[in-house]
């Protein structure tokens, strides 16, 4: 009777996670309509960088469709694509519907939530299915018998502690992958060499103030400037609320950019209010916590190994 209850419980949980996996897959297919996706070539009409407060720049372009339409949304590119493309070049991507163009990078990043959910629910479904199979008495007896033989033959096993450190190492690598962009951006922001100071013209402003817990407000300036070679660059620059309120459309904003990457823009003239407001962002605390946890785990591992 106990076996039947256990099998029934695993069956219900497996079906639940299977249903959630299917719902996410179906929602993903409806959102991006991948069943009707077609390859398309469009024309680049403008290149735009976007620079956050705590992370390196990301890269976008505005495009013209073959029918002459110019969609309002920006399309993502890799850094390599951005550096090797010019205004008027063709860009390969995909059309969904009649006027929705997406690059491969658009699809990958915009669908990240769906893909993570599908992977997580899919893994949980697999684990529950395995547990359901091994809850069958005949399979359970066979598995115990094989496990006993493997234990006798095995000369080397992972201890519980080693497995724990291995899992902790995987988590730390994931944390460092996320927070690494923040660290590199901070290093580049603080460096004094390899930068050029100039003035940018503010073309537009955008702000989104939120009072939701754990959600940051956004203050963005669209700026245009020339590099030392006379080439014009446009960047969507995130700034603090204090900086945002000091300037208007048409004003000149003092900036510096890295010579190795002109889209990597910084606002060097920070007041005490800018510094204070930076510490009101949840994004900053997320990076600090991830780095602190990573350092602690490495310290604990080194201490345990002594």
C-alpha atoms as a PDB file:
ATOM      1  CA  UNK A   1       0.000   0.000   0.000  1.00  0.00           C
ATOM      2  CA  UNK A   2       2.847   2.341   0.892  1.00  0.00           C
ATOM      3  CA  UNK A   3       4.484   1.670  -2.491  1.00  0.00           C
ATOM      4  CA  UNK A   4       1.239   2.496  -4.299  1.00  0.00           C
ATOM      5  CA  UNK A   5       0.916   5.825  -2.469  1.00  0.00           C
ATOM      6  CA  UNK A   6       4.545   6.677  -3.254  1.00  0.00           C
ATOM      7  CA  UNK A   7       4.115   5.834  -6.940  1.00  0.00           C
ATOM      8  CA  UNK A   8       0.864   7.815  -7.104  1.00  0.00           C
ATOM      9  CA  UNK A   9       2.571  10.847  -5.552  1.00  0.00           C
ATOM     10  CA  UNK A  10       5.471  10.725  -8.007  1.00  0.00           C
ATOM     11  CA  UNK A  11       2.996  10.295 -10.878  1.00  0.00           C
ATOM     12  CA  UNK A  12       1.054  13.427  -9.891  1.00  0.00           C
ATOM     13  CA  UNK A  13       4.252  15.494  -9.453  1.00  0.00           C
ATOM     14  CA  UNK A  14       5.671  14.243 -12.775  1.00  0.00           C
ATOM     15  CA  UNK A  15       2.449  15.142 -14.588  1.00  0.00           C
ATOM     16  CA  UNK A  16       2.426  18.575 -12.926  1.00  0.00           C
ATOM     17  CA  UNK A  17       5.975  19.435 -13.975  1.00  0.00           C
ATOM     18  CA  UNK A  18       5.319  17.979 -17.444  1.00  0.00           C
ATOM     19  CA  UNK A  19       2.290  20.263 -17.761  1.00  0.00           C
ATOM     20  CA  UNK A  20       4.291  23.306 -16.652  1.00  0.00           C
ATOM     21  CA  UNK A  21       7.050  22.440 -19.144  1.00  0.00           C
ATOM     22  CA  UNK A  22       4.507  22.155 -21.953  1.00  0.00           C
ATOM     23  CA  UNK A  23       2.839  25.448 -20.946  1.00  0.00           C
ATOM     24  CA  UNK A  24       6.195  27.272 -21.109  1.00  0.00           C
ATOM     25  CA  UNK A  25       7.047  25.684 -24.478  1.00  0.00           C
ATOM     26  CA  UNK A  26       3.623  26.566 -25.879  1.00  0.00           C
ATOM     27  CA  UNK A  27       3.862  30.145 -24.540  1.00  0.00           C
ATOM     28  CA  UNK A  28       7.337  30.473 -26.025  1.00  0.00           C
ATOM     29  CA  UNK A  29       6.104  29.302 -29.432  1.00  0.00           C
ATOM     30  CA  UNK A  30       3.150  31.708 -29.312  1.00  0.00           C
ATOM     31  CA  UNK A  31       5.299  34.640 -28.182  1.00  0.00           C
ATOM     32  CA  UNK A  32       7.841  34.292 -30.975  1.00  0.00           C
ATOM     33  CA  UNK A  33       5.763  32.404 -33.528  1.00  0.00           C
ATOM     34  CA  UNK A  34       8.780  30.272 -34.445  1.00  0.00           C
ATOM     35  CA  UNK A  35       6.604  27.993 -36.569  1.00  0.00           C
ATOM     36  CA  UNK A  36       6.317  30.746 -39.197  1.00  0.00           C
ATOM     37  CA  UNK A  37       9.832  32.137 -38.857  1.00  0.00           C
ATOM     38  CA  UNK A  38      11.643  32.969 -42.104  1.00  0.00           C
ATOM     39  CA  UNK A  39      15.144  34.166 -42.884  1.00  0.00           C
ATOM     40  CA  UNK A  40      15.369  37.779 -44.021  1.00  0.00           C
ATOM     41  CA  UNK A  41      17.954  40.349 -45.084  1.00  0.00           C
ATOM     42  CA  UNK A  42      17.466  43.939 -43.899  1.00  0.00           C
ATOM     43  CA  UNK A  43      19.480  47.151 -44.170  1.00  0.00           C
ATOM     44  CA  UNK A  44      21.237  48.840 -41.258  1.00  0.00           C
ATOM     45  CA  UNK A  45      20.306  52.521 -41.088  1.00  0.00           C
ATOM     46  CA  UNK A  46      21.731  53.444 -37.668  1.00  0.00           C
ATOM     47  CA  UNK A  47      24.064  52.018 -35.013  1.00  0.00           C
ATOM     48  CA  UNK A  48      23.331  52.611 -31.332  1.00  0.00           C
ATOM     49  CA  UNK A  49      25.123  51.580 -28.155  1.00  0.00           C
ATOM     50  CA  UNK A  50      23.499  51.216 -24.735  1.00  0.00           C
ATOM     51  CA  UNK A  51      25.565  51.701 -21.578  1.00  0.00           C
ATOM     52  CA  UNK A  52      24.250  50.785 -18.139  1.00  0.00           C
ATOM     53  CA  UNK A  53      25.343  52.170 -14.796  1.00  0.00           C
ATOM     54  CA  UNK A  54      27.116  48.984 -13.704  1.00  0.00           C
ATOM     55  CA  UNK A  55      27.763  46.945 -16.846  1.00  0.00           C
ATOM     56  CA  UNK A  56      29.659  47.199 -20.157  1.00  0.00           C
ATOM     57  CA  UNK A  57      27.857  48.392 -23.289  1.00  0.00           C
ATOM     58  CA  UNK A  58      25.474  46.369 -25.416  1.00  0.00           C
ATOM     59  CA  UNK A  59      24.981  46.989 -29.117  1.00  0.00           C
ATOM     60  CA  UNK A  60      21.938  47.717 -31.268  1.00  0.00           C
ATOM     61  CA  UNK A  61      21.030  48.799 -34.782  1.00  0.00           C
ATOM     62  CA  UNK A  62      17.987  50.351 -36.402  1.00  0.00           C
ATOM     63  CA  UNK A  63      17.011  48.657 -39.628  1.00  0.00           C
ATOM     64  CA  UNK A  64      14.952  49.117 -42.784  1.00  0.00           C
ATOM     65  CA  UNK A  65      12.846  46.210 -44.014  1.00  0.00           C
ATOM     66  CA  UNK A  66      12.874  45.173 -47.689  1.00  0.00           C
ATOM     67  CA  UNK A  67       9.445  46.815 -48.141  1.00  0.00           C
ATOM     68  CA  UNK A  68      10.877  50.157 -46.983  1.00  0.00           C
ATOM     69  CA  UNK A  69       9.371  50.168 -43.485  1.00  0.00           C
ATOM     70  CA  UNK A  70      11.512  51.202 -40.524  1.00  0.00           C
ATOM     71  CA  UNK A  71      10.404  49.440 -37.309  1.00  0.00           C
ATOM     72  CA  UNK A  72      10.772  51.483 -34.151  1.00  0.00           C
ATOM     73  CA  UNK A  73      12.433  48.766 -32.091  1.00  0.00           C
ATOM     74  CA  UNK A  74      16.181  48.265 -31.853  1.00  0.00           C
ATOM     75  CA  UNK A  75      17.832  44.982 -32.757  1.00  0.00           C
ATOM     76  CA  UNK A  76      20.737  43.499 -30.811  1.00  0.00           C
ATOM     77  CA  UNK A  77      24.134  42.691 -32.274  1.00  0.00           C
ATOM     78  CA  UNK A  78      27.293  41.189 -30.861  1.00  0.00           C
ATOM     79  CA  UNK A  79      30.314  43.420 -30.317  1.00  0.00           C
ATOM     80  CA  UNK A  80      32.066  41.795 -33.271  1.00  0.00           C
ATOM     81  CA  UNK A  81      29.081  42.420 -35.552  1.00  0.00           C
ATOM     82  CA  UNK A  82      28.890  46.023 -34.395  1.00  0.00           C
ATOM     83  CA  UNK A  83      32.556  46.657 -35.116  1.00  0.00           C
ATOM     84  CA  UNK A  84      32.438  45.042 -38.564  1.00  0.00           C
ATOM     85  CA  UNK A  85      29.182  46.562 -39.825  1.00  0.00           C
ATOM     86  CA  UNK A  86      28.522  49.934 -41.434  1.00  0.00           C
ATOM     87  CA  UNK A  87      25.460  52.017 -42.217  1.00  0.00           C
ATOM     88  CA  UNK A  88      23.895  50.598 -45.377  1.00  0.00           C
ATOM     89  CA  UNK A  89      25.189  47.046 -44.823  1.00  0.00           C
ATOM     90  CA  UNK A  90      22.847  44.076 -44.983  1.00  0.00           C
ATOM     91  CA  UNK A  91      21.969  42.246 -41.772  1.00  0.00           C
ATOM     92  CA  UNK A  92      20.750  38.660 -41.632  1.00  0.00           C
ATOM     93  CA  UNK A  93      17.924  37.808 -39.265  1.00  0.00           C
ATOM     94  CA  UNK A  94      14.443  36.369 -39.053  1.00  0.00           C
ATOM     95  CA  UNK A  95      10.937  37.611 -39.720  1.00  0.00           C
ATOM     96  CA  UNK A  96       7.983  36.557 -37.587  1.00  0.00           C
ATOM     97  CA  UNK A  97       4.693  37.898 -38.853  1.00  0.00           C
ATOM     98  CA  UNK A  98       4.626  40.713 -41.390  1.00  0.00           C
ATOM     99  CA  UNK A  99       6.823  43.360 -39.769  1.00  0.00           C
ATOM    100  CA  UNK A 100       8.649  41.842 -36.786  1.00  0.00           C
ATOM    101  CA  UNK A 101      12.347  41.398 -37.458  1.00  0.00           C
ATOM    102  CA  UNK A 102      14.673  39.769 -34.934  1.00  0.00           C
ATOM    103  CA  UNK A 103      18.328  38.888 -34.960  1.00  0.00           C
ATOM    104  CA  UNK A 104      19.521  35.597 -33.495  1.00  0.00           C
ATOM    105  CA  UNK A 105      20.740  37.572 -30.477  1.00  0.00           C
ATOM    106  CA  UNK A 106      17.281  39.141 -30.021  1.00  0.00           C
ATOM    107  CA  UNK A 107      15.650  35.732 -29.914  1.00  0.00           C
ATOM    108  CA  UNK A 108      18.263  34.276 -27.545  1.00  0.00           C
ATOM    109  CA  UNK A 109      18.167  37.134 -25.011  1.00  0.00           C
ATOM    110  CA  UNK A 110      14.462  37.993 -25.177  1.00  0.00           C
ATOM    111  CA  UNK A 111      13.518  34.339 -24.741  1.00  0.00           C
ATOM    112  CA  UNK A 112      15.982  33.728 -21.903  1.00  0.00           C
ATOM    113  CA  UNK A 113      13.181  33.676 -19.312  1.00  0.00           C
ATOM    114  CA  UNK A 114      11.259  31.069 -21.259  1.00  0.00           C
ATOM    115  CA  UNK A 115      14.323  28.950 -21.960  1.00  0.00           C
ATOM    116  CA  UNK A 116      15.398  28.959 -18.305  1.00  0.00           C
ATOM    117  CA  UNK A 117      11.882  28.024 -17.197  1.00  0.00           C
ATOM    118  CA  UNK A 118      11.695  25.248 -19.805  1.00  0.00           C
ATOM    119  CA  UNK A 119      15.090  23.867 -18.742  1.00  0.00           C
ATOM    120  CA  UNK A 120      14.259  23.997 -15.017  1.00  0.00           C
ATOM    121  CA  UNK A 121      10.813  22.415 -15.349  1.00  0.00           C
ATOM    122  CA  UNK A 122      12.201  19.904 -17.856  1.00  0.00           C
ATOM    123  CA  UNK A 123      14.943  18.812 -15.441  1.00  0.00           C
ATOM    124  CA  UNK A 124      12.443  18.524 -12.582  1.00  0.00           C
ATOM    125  CA  UNK A 125      10.168  16.438 -14.805  1.00  0.00           C
ATOM    126  CA  UNK A 126      13.067  14.133 -15.669  1.00  0.00           C
ATOM    127  CA  UNK A 127      14.081  13.695 -12.017  1.00  0.00           C
ATOM    128  CA  UNK A 128      10.485  12.979 -10.974  1.00  0.00           C
ATOM    129  CA  UNK A 129      10.121  10.490 -13.820  1.00  0.00           C
ATOM    130  CA  UNK A 130      13.292   8.692 -12.719  1.00  0.00           C
ATOM    131  CA  UNK A 131      12.032   8.644  -9.113  1.00  0.00           C
ATOM    132  CA  UNK A 132       8.705   7.261 -10.349  1.00  0.00           C
ATOM    133  CA  UNK A 133      10.428   4.472 -12.276  1.00  0.00           C
ATOM    134  CA  UNK A 134      12.583   3.501  -9.299  1.00  0.00           C
ATOM    135  CA  UNK A 135       9.532   3.490  -7.018  1.00  0.00           C
ATOM    136  CA  UNK A 136       8.326   0.393  -8.887  1.00  0.00           C
ATOM    137  CA  UNK A 137       9.213  -2.588  -6.606  1.00  0.00           C
ATOM    138  CA  UNK A 138      10.854  -4.731  -9.302  1.00  0.00           C
ATOM    139  CA  UNK A 139      12.978  -1.847 -10.585  1.00  0.00           C
ATOM    140  CA  UNK A 140      13.879  -0.830  -7.037  1.00  0.00           C
ATOM    141  CA  UNK A 141      15.093  -4.350  -6.158  1.00  0.00           C
ATOM    142  CA  UNK A 142      17.137  -4.514  -9.375  1.00  0.00           C
ATOM    143  CA  UNK A 143      18.707  -1.088  -8.714  1.00  0.00           C
ATOM    144  CA  UNK A 144      19.637  -2.042  -5.135  1.00  0.00           C
ATOM    145  CA  UNK A 145      21.255  -5.227  -6.365  1.00  0.00           C
ATOM    146  CA  UNK A 146      23.292  -3.403  -9.021  1.00  0.00           C
ATOM    147  CA  UNK A 147      24.239  -0.656  -6.569  1.00  0.00           C
ATOM    148  CA  UNK A 148      25.550  -3.258  -4.138  1.00  0.00           C
ATOM    149  CA  UNK A 149      27.745  -4.786  -6.844  1.00  0.00           C
ATOM    150  CA  UNK A 150      29.059  -1.407  -7.908  1.00  0.00           C
ATOM    151  CA  UNK A 151      29.957  -0.551  -4.326  1.00  0.00           C
ATOM    152  CA  UNK A 152      32.018  -3.729  -3.998  1.00  0.00           C
ATOM    153  CA  UNK A 153      33.829  -3.191  -7.289  1.00  0.00           C
ATOM    154  CA  UNK A 154      34.400   0.516  -6.918  1.00  0.00           C
ATOM    155  CA  UNK A 155      37.814   1.553  -5.659  1.00  0.00           C
ATOM    156  CA  UNK A 156      37.224   5.260  -5.615  1.00  0.00           C
ATOM    157  CA  UNK A 157      34.070   7.133  -4.642  1.00  0.00           C
ATOM    158  CA  UNK A 158      33.185  10.722  -4.263  1.00  0.00           C
ATOM    159  CA  UNK A 159      32.656  11.556  -0.633  1.00  0.00           C
ATOM    160  CA  UNK A 160      29.702  13.713   0.392  1.00  0.00           C
ATOM    161  CA  UNK A 161      32.096  16.578   1.124  1.00  0.00           C
ATOM    162  CA  UNK A 162      33.720  16.401  -2.313  1.00  0.00           C
ATOM    163  CA  UNK A 163      30.338  16.398  -4.004  1.00  0.00           C
ATOM    164  CA  UNK A 164      29.293  19.404  -1.948  1.00  0.00           C
ATOM    165  CA  UNK A 165      32.446  21.341  -2.933  1.00  0.00           C
ATOM    166  CA  UNK A 166      31.962  20.365  -6.570  1.00  0.00           C
ATOM    167  CA  UNK A 167      28.394  21.686  -6.546  1.00  0.00           C
ATOM    168  CA  UNK A 168      29.527  24.825  -4.718  1.00  0.00           C
ATOM    169  CA  UNK A 169      32.218  25.359  -7.362  1.00  0.00           C
ATOM    170  CA  UNK A 170      29.640  25.175 -10.154  1.00  0.00           C
ATOM    171  CA  UNK A 171      27.470  27.745  -8.369  1.00  0.00           C
ATOM    172  CA  UNK A 172      30.459  30.062  -7.801  1.00  0.00           C
ATOM    173  CA  UNK A 173      31.380  29.901 -11.491  1.00  0.00           C
ATOM    174  CA  UNK A 174      27.805  30.893 -12.353  1.00  0.00           C
ATOM    175  CA  UNK A 175      27.931  33.774  -9.848  1.00  0.00           C
ATOM    176  CA  UNK A 176      31.270  34.969 -11.235  1.00  0.00           C
ATOM    177  CA  UNK A 177      29.903  34.819 -14.788  1.00  0.00           C
ATOM    178  CA  UNK A 178      27.078  37.179 -13.794  1.00  0.00           C
ATOM    179  CA  UNK A 179      29.135  39.542 -11.635  1.00  0.00           C
ATOM    180  CA  UNK A 180      32.201  39.504 -13.912  1.00  0.00           C
ATOM    181  CA  UNK A 181      30.655  42.147 -16.190  1.00  0.00           C
ATOM    182  CA  UNK A 182      30.186  44.417 -13.186  1.00  0.00           C
ATOM    183  CA  UNK A 183      33.815  43.948 -12.080  1.00  0.00           C
ATOM    184  CA  UNK A 184      35.225  44.652 -15.559  1.00  0.00           C
ATOM    185  CA  UNK A 185      33.056  47.747 -15.894  1.00  0.00           C
ATOM    186  CA  UNK A 186      34.226  49.031 -12.490  1.00  0.00           C
ATOM    187  CA  UNK A 187      37.884  48.494 -13.411  1.00  0.00           C
ATOM    188  CA  UNK A 188      37.448  50.333 -16.699  1.00  0.00           C
ATOM    189  CA  UNK A 189      35.569  53.138 -15.005  1.00  0.00           C
ATOM    190  CA  UNK A 190      38.372  53.701 -12.481  1.00  0.00           C
ATOM    191  CA  UNK A 191      41.262  53.479 -14.935  1.00  0.00           C
ATOM    192  CA  UNK A 192      42.829  56.797 -15.945  1.00  0.00           C
ATOM    193  CA  UNK A 193      44.626  55.785 -19.147  1.00  0.00           C
ATOM    194  CA  UNK A 194      43.180  54.778 -22.496  1.00  0.00           C
ATOM    195  CA  UNK A 195      40.281  57.221 -22.323  1.00  0.00           C
ATOM    196  CA  UNK A 196      39.280  60.361 -24.189  1.00  0.00           C
ATOM    197  CA  UNK A 197      37.246  63.173 -22.635  1.00  0.00           C
ATOM    198  CA  UNK A 198      34.742  65.050 -24.763  1.00  0.00           C
ATOM    199  CA  UNK A 199      31.251  66.560 -24.696  1.00  0.00           C
ATOM    200  CA  UNK A 200      28.107  64.837 -25.930  1.00  0.00           C
ATOM    201  CA  UNK A 201      24.859  66.435 -27.046  1.00  0.00           C
ATOM    202  CA  UNK A 202      21.713  65.144 -25.339  1.00  0.00           C
ATOM    203  CA  UNK A 203      19.233  64.158 -28.058  1.00  0.00           C
ATOM    204  CA  UNK A 204      16.489  62.665 -25.900  1.00  0.00           C
ATOM    205  CA  UNK A 205      15.542  61.705 -22.351  1.00  0.00           C
ATOM    206  CA  UNK A 206      13.642  58.782 -20.895  1.00  0.00           C
ATOM    207  CA  UNK A 207      12.740  57.947 -17.312  1.00  0.00           C
ATOM    208  CA  UNK A 208      10.774  55.186 -15.648  1.00  0.00           C
ATOM    209  CA  UNK A 209      10.152  55.665 -11.935  1.00  0.00           C
ATOM    210  CA  UNK A 210       8.953  52.624 -10.048  1.00  0.00           C
ATOM    211  CA  UNK A 211       7.997  52.151  -6.418  1.00  0.00           C
ATOM    212  CA  UNK A 212       7.928  48.377  -6.566  1.00  0.00           C
ATOM    213  CA  UNK A 213      10.104  46.547  -4.096  1.00  0.00           C
ATOM    214  CA  UNK A 214      13.343  45.142  -5.568  1.00  0.00           C
ATOM    215  CA  UNK A 215      12.857  47.017  -8.863  1.00  0.00           C
ATOM    216  CA  UNK A 216      15.112  49.896  -9.897  1.00  0.00           C
ATOM    217  CA  UNK A 217      13.944  53.110 -11.520  1.00  0.00           C
ATOM    218  CA  UNK A 218      15.595  53.991 -14.832  1.00  0.00           C
ATOM    219  CA  UNK A 219      16.953  57.329 -16.038  1.00  0.00           C
ATOM    220  CA  UNK A 220      18.339  57.349 -19.566  1.00  0.00           C
ATOM    221  CA  UNK A 221      19.909  59.995 -21.788  1.00  0.00           C
ATOM    222  CA  UNK A 222      20.285  59.544 -25.533  1.00  0.00           C
ATOM    223  CA  UNK A 223      23.581  61.219 -26.371  1.00  0.00           C
ATOM    224  CA  UNK A 224      25.541  61.861 -29.565  1.00  0.00           C
ATOM    225  CA  UNK A 225      29.249  62.674 -29.819  1.00  0.00           C
ATOM    226  CA  UNK A 226      32.239  62.476 -32.151  1.00  0.00           C
ATOM    227  CA  UNK A 227      35.388  60.468 -31.541  1.00  0.00           C
ATOM    228  CA  UNK A 228      38.892  61.728 -32.299  1.00  0.00           C
ATOM    229  CA  UNK A 229      38.560  60.598 -35.924  1.00  0.00           C
ATOM    230  CA  UNK A 230      35.367  62.604 -36.402  1.00  0.00           C
ATOM    231  CA  UNK A 231      32.986  59.647 -36.480  1.00  0.00           C
ATOM    232  CA  UNK A 232      29.588  60.198 -34.837  1.00  0.00           C
ATOM    233  CA  UNK A 233      28.338  57.768 -32.191  1.00  0.00           C
ATOM    234  CA  UNK A 234      24.963  57.493 -30.495  1.00  0.00           C
ATOM    235  CA  UNK A 235      24.616  55.916 -27.063  1.00  0.00           C
ATOM    236  CA  UNK A 236      21.697  55.309 -24.706  1.00  0.00           C
ATOM    237  CA  UNK A 237      23.378  56.136 -21.378  1.00  0.00           C
ATOM    238  CA  UNK A 238      21.875  55.188 -18.018  1.00  0.00           C
ATOM    239  CA  UNK A 239      22.546  57.824 -15.364  1.00  0.00           C
ATOM    240  CA  UNK A 240      21.503  58.514 -11.789  1.00  0.00           C
ATOM    241  CA  UNK A 241      18.415  60.584 -11.013  1.00  0.00           C
ATOM    242  CA  UNK A 242      20.630  63.485  -9.891  1.00  0.00           C
ATOM    243  CA  UNK A 243      22.508  63.629 -13.212  1.00  0.00           C
ATOM    244  CA  UNK A 244      19.267  63.189 -15.158  1.00  0.00           C
ATOM    245  CA  UNK A 245      17.716  66.223 -13.457  1.00  0.00           C
ATOM    246  CA  UNK A 246      20.745  68.445 -14.158  1.00  0.00           C
ATOM    247  CA  UNK A 247      20.423  68.303 -17.950  1.00  0.00           C
ATOM    248  CA  UNK A 248      17.841  68.751 -20.679  1.00  0.00           C
ATOM    249  CA  UNK A 249      17.528  67.993 -24.383  1.00  0.00           C
ATOM    250  CA  UNK A 250      20.145  69.950 -26.343  1.00  0.00           C
ATOM    251  CA  UNK A 251      22.497  70.372 -23.372  1.00  0.00           C
ATOM    252  CA  UNK A 252      26.141  69.333 -23.437  1.00  0.00           C
ATOM    253  CA  UNK A 253      27.103  66.421 -21.180  1.00  0.00           C
ATOM    254  CA  UNK A 254      30.779  65.909 -20.242  1.00  0.00           C
ATOM    255  CA  UNK A 255      31.721  62.279 -20.908  1.00  0.00           C
ATOM    256  CA  UNK A 256      34.727  60.053 -21.410  1.00  0.00           C
ATOM    257  CA  UNK A 257      34.956  56.971 -23.598  1.00  0.00           C
ATOM    258  CA  UNK A 258      37.470  54.158 -23.827  1.00  0.00           C
ATOM    259  CA  UNK A 259      39.686  54.405 -26.881  1.00  0.00           C
ATOM    260  CA  UNK A 260      39.431  50.640 -27.343  1.00  0.00           C
ATOM    261  CA  UNK A 261      35.617  50.793 -27.431  1.00  0.00           C
ATOM    262  CA  UNK A 262      33.965  54.122 -28.163  1.00  0.00           C
ATOM    263  CA  UNK A 263      30.554  52.872 -27.004  1.00  0.00           C
ATOM    264  CA  UNK A 264      31.972  52.296 -23.507  1.00  0.00           C
ATOM    265  CA  UNK A 265      30.933  55.717 -22.180  1.00  0.00           C
ATOM    266  CA  UNK A 266      31.297  57.123 -18.658  1.00  0.00           C
ATOM    267  CA  UNK A 267      30.117  60.331 -16.987  1.00  0.00           C
ATOM    268  CA  UNK A 268      33.237  61.409 -15.057  1.00  0.00           C
ATOM    269  CA  UNK A 269      31.813  64.389 -13.116  1.00  0.00           C
ATOM    270  CA  UNK A 270      30.092  62.628 -10.222  1.00  0.00           C
ATOM    271  CA  UNK A 271      28.826  64.490  -7.186  1.00  0.00           C
ATOM    272  CA  UNK A 272      28.308  63.014  -3.733  1.00  0.00           C
ATOM    273  CA  UNK A 273      24.624  62.694  -4.637  1.00  0.00           C
ATOM    274  CA  UNK A 274      25.418  60.502  -7.657  1.00  0.00           C
ATOM    275  CA  UNK A 275      27.558  58.206  -5.506  1.00  0.00           C
ATOM    276  CA  UNK A 276      24.877  58.034  -2.811  1.00  0.00           C
ATOM    277  CA  UNK A 277      22.128  57.300  -5.331  1.00  0.00           C
ATOM    278  CA  UNK A 278      24.182  54.512  -6.910  1.00  0.00           C
ATOM    279  CA  UNK A 279      23.870  52.665  -3.600  1.00  0.00           C
ATOM    280  CA  UNK A 280      20.071  52.762  -3.842  1.00  0.00           C
ATOM    281  CA  UNK A 281      20.086  50.358  -6.810  1.00  0.00           C
ATOM    282  CA  UNK A 282      19.204  46.720  -6.113  1.00  0.00           C
ATOM    283  CA  UNK A 283      21.304  45.761  -9.125  1.00  0.00           C
ATOM    284  CA  UNK A 284      24.437  46.977  -7.333  1.00  0.00           C
ATOM    285  CA  UNK A 285      23.663  44.976  -4.197  1.00  0.00           C
ATOM    286  CA  UNK A 286      23.015  41.890  -6.297  1.00  0.00           C
ATOM    287  CA  UNK A 287      26.551  42.069  -7.735  1.00  0.00           C
ATOM    288  CA  UNK A 288      28.058  42.751  -4.297  1.00  0.00           C
ATOM    289  CA  UNK A 289      26.254  39.779  -2.760  1.00  0.00           C
ATOM    290  CA  UNK A 290      27.269  37.438  -5.595  1.00  0.00           C
ATOM    291  CA  UNK A 291      30.915  38.491  -5.242  1.00  0.00           C
ATOM    292  CA  UNK A 292      30.821  38.212  -1.438  1.00  0.00           C
ATOM    293  CA  UNK A 293      29.333  34.707  -1.592  1.00  0.00           C
ATOM    294  CA  UNK A 294      31.940  33.652  -4.170  1.00  0.00           C
ATOM    295  CA  UNK A 295      34.827  34.966  -2.062  1.00  0.00           C
ATOM    296  CA  UNK A 296      33.453  33.267   1.050  1.00  0.00           C
ATOM    297  CA  UNK A 297      33.073  29.902  -0.714  1.00  0.00           C
ATOM    298  CA  UNK A 298      36.643  30.085  -2.069  1.00  0.00           C
ATOM    299  CA  UNK A 299      37.952  31.024   1.409  1.00  0.00           C
ATOM    300  CA  UNK A 300      35.992  28.181   3.004  1.00  0.00           C
ATOM    301  CA  UNK A 301      37.336  25.706   0.443  1.00  0.00           C
ATOM    302  CA  UNK A 302      40.949  26.785   0.992  1.00  0.00           C
ATOM    303  CA  UNK A 303      40.474  26.629   4.757  1.00  0.00           C
ATOM    304  CA  UNK A 304      38.898  23.176   4.553  1.00  0.00           C
ATOM    305  CA  UNK A 305      41.732  21.899   2.351  1.00  0.00           C
ATOM    306  CA  UNK A 306      44.467  22.851   4.826  1.00  0.00           C
END
